[in-house]
Amino acid sequence: MHHRRGIILALVISGYAMTASPQATVPQAASPTLPQMPGNVQASPTVPVDQPRPSSSSASSQATLLTRTKADQALRIGGGDLLQVSVFGAPDYNYDLRVADDGFVNLPLIGTVRVGGMTPREVAADVRDKLSQHGYFNNPQVGVLVKEYATQGVSVLGEVQKPGVYPLLGARTLFDLISAAQGTTPTAGDRVSVIHRDQPRTPEFVKLTYDGKDSLQGNVPIFPGDTIVVQKAGIVYVVGDVQKPSGIVMANPNLTVLKAIALAQGTNPNAALDKARLVRKTSDGQTEIPLHLKQMLAAKIPDMRVEPEDIIFVPNSMFKTGFKHGLEAALATATGVIIYRRP
């Protein structure tokens, strides 16, 4: 009996030894060492087939990075920028060069090269071709890095709280720069012009909106040396015998006479509705247009759309100095009314 138990115990021990033996384990392939790429950028490892797919948040962040990469590549080189031109595997060919005002640099071995108005990728391809054509290198890997932009700041002008020049470090958008200028003023419109440094004669016009959907389209990328101008909105003045004489910012381009009077909290009880006038500036001077407010309110005639800088004057029926003097007094006080921004 004891002999049989000893045999069973020996078999169990030998089986455990075979399981724990290093020879029984499956060896794992070692991760390959990634080579160092030009510009201190490492190559990305190949993703195995059985690796789980990235989540939606990861895909969204990758899309953002790709968008910023394309935006950075579109930035053109200008006069005064500091470039670093290097050839991978050739440490002696590594130079820092300041771009001249005419957009040219002088590179060793190949001489004068035009870089102004080009992207770093385009300059790298041009330098590579020239080095290969002269026989100095065989299919060289050329890297071009913009180490310093001549104009790092962005000018924010127009209807913002604090106009000025703001430094631009990293990838930034239109909303970032407007926030740095502490937002827009009450008289700011919905039209913004962005003058890019590399294309000063073709400004980019953007509609400024704070709606969740449309705001993404207007939040365009901003580059060093750009100029942002927030334009002023149109204002309609409502003066005379109204509850609150004021200037109404035309946030809505479809503003009408009745809507403007409603934003001024309506007319007073003694207002002469049939004697109201709209004063409009034209190329021939000021023009007076009669406004039949009673018929507009009764929907007998259509409501009239207003234009920027229009003045709606509602006289008082008890005003004894005459309509002309009342209109002159209203025009004199039109520029002194409080400006209100309405949604």
Foldseek 3Di string as FASTA:
>chain_A
DVVVVVVVVVVVVVVVCVVPDPVVDDDDDDDDDWDQDPPRDTDDDDDDPPDDDDDPVVVVVVVVVVVQVVVLQQDAAAAQWWKWKDWPPDVVQTDIWGAHRVQWTQGPPQGIDHRGLHGQVVVQVVVQVSCVVVPVDPSIRMGMDGPGHRFQWEFEEAFAQATDTGGDDPKAWPVVVSVVSVHGHLQFEQWKWKQAPSHNPDIDIAGHDDDPPRNVVRGGIHGGPMYMYGYGFFWEFEDEQAQATEIEGCNDQQDFDVNVSVVSVHGDPQWPQQAKWKWDQDPVGIDIDGGNRVCCVVVVDDTGGDDGPIYIYTYGNPDDVDDVVRVVVRVVCRVVGYYGYDD
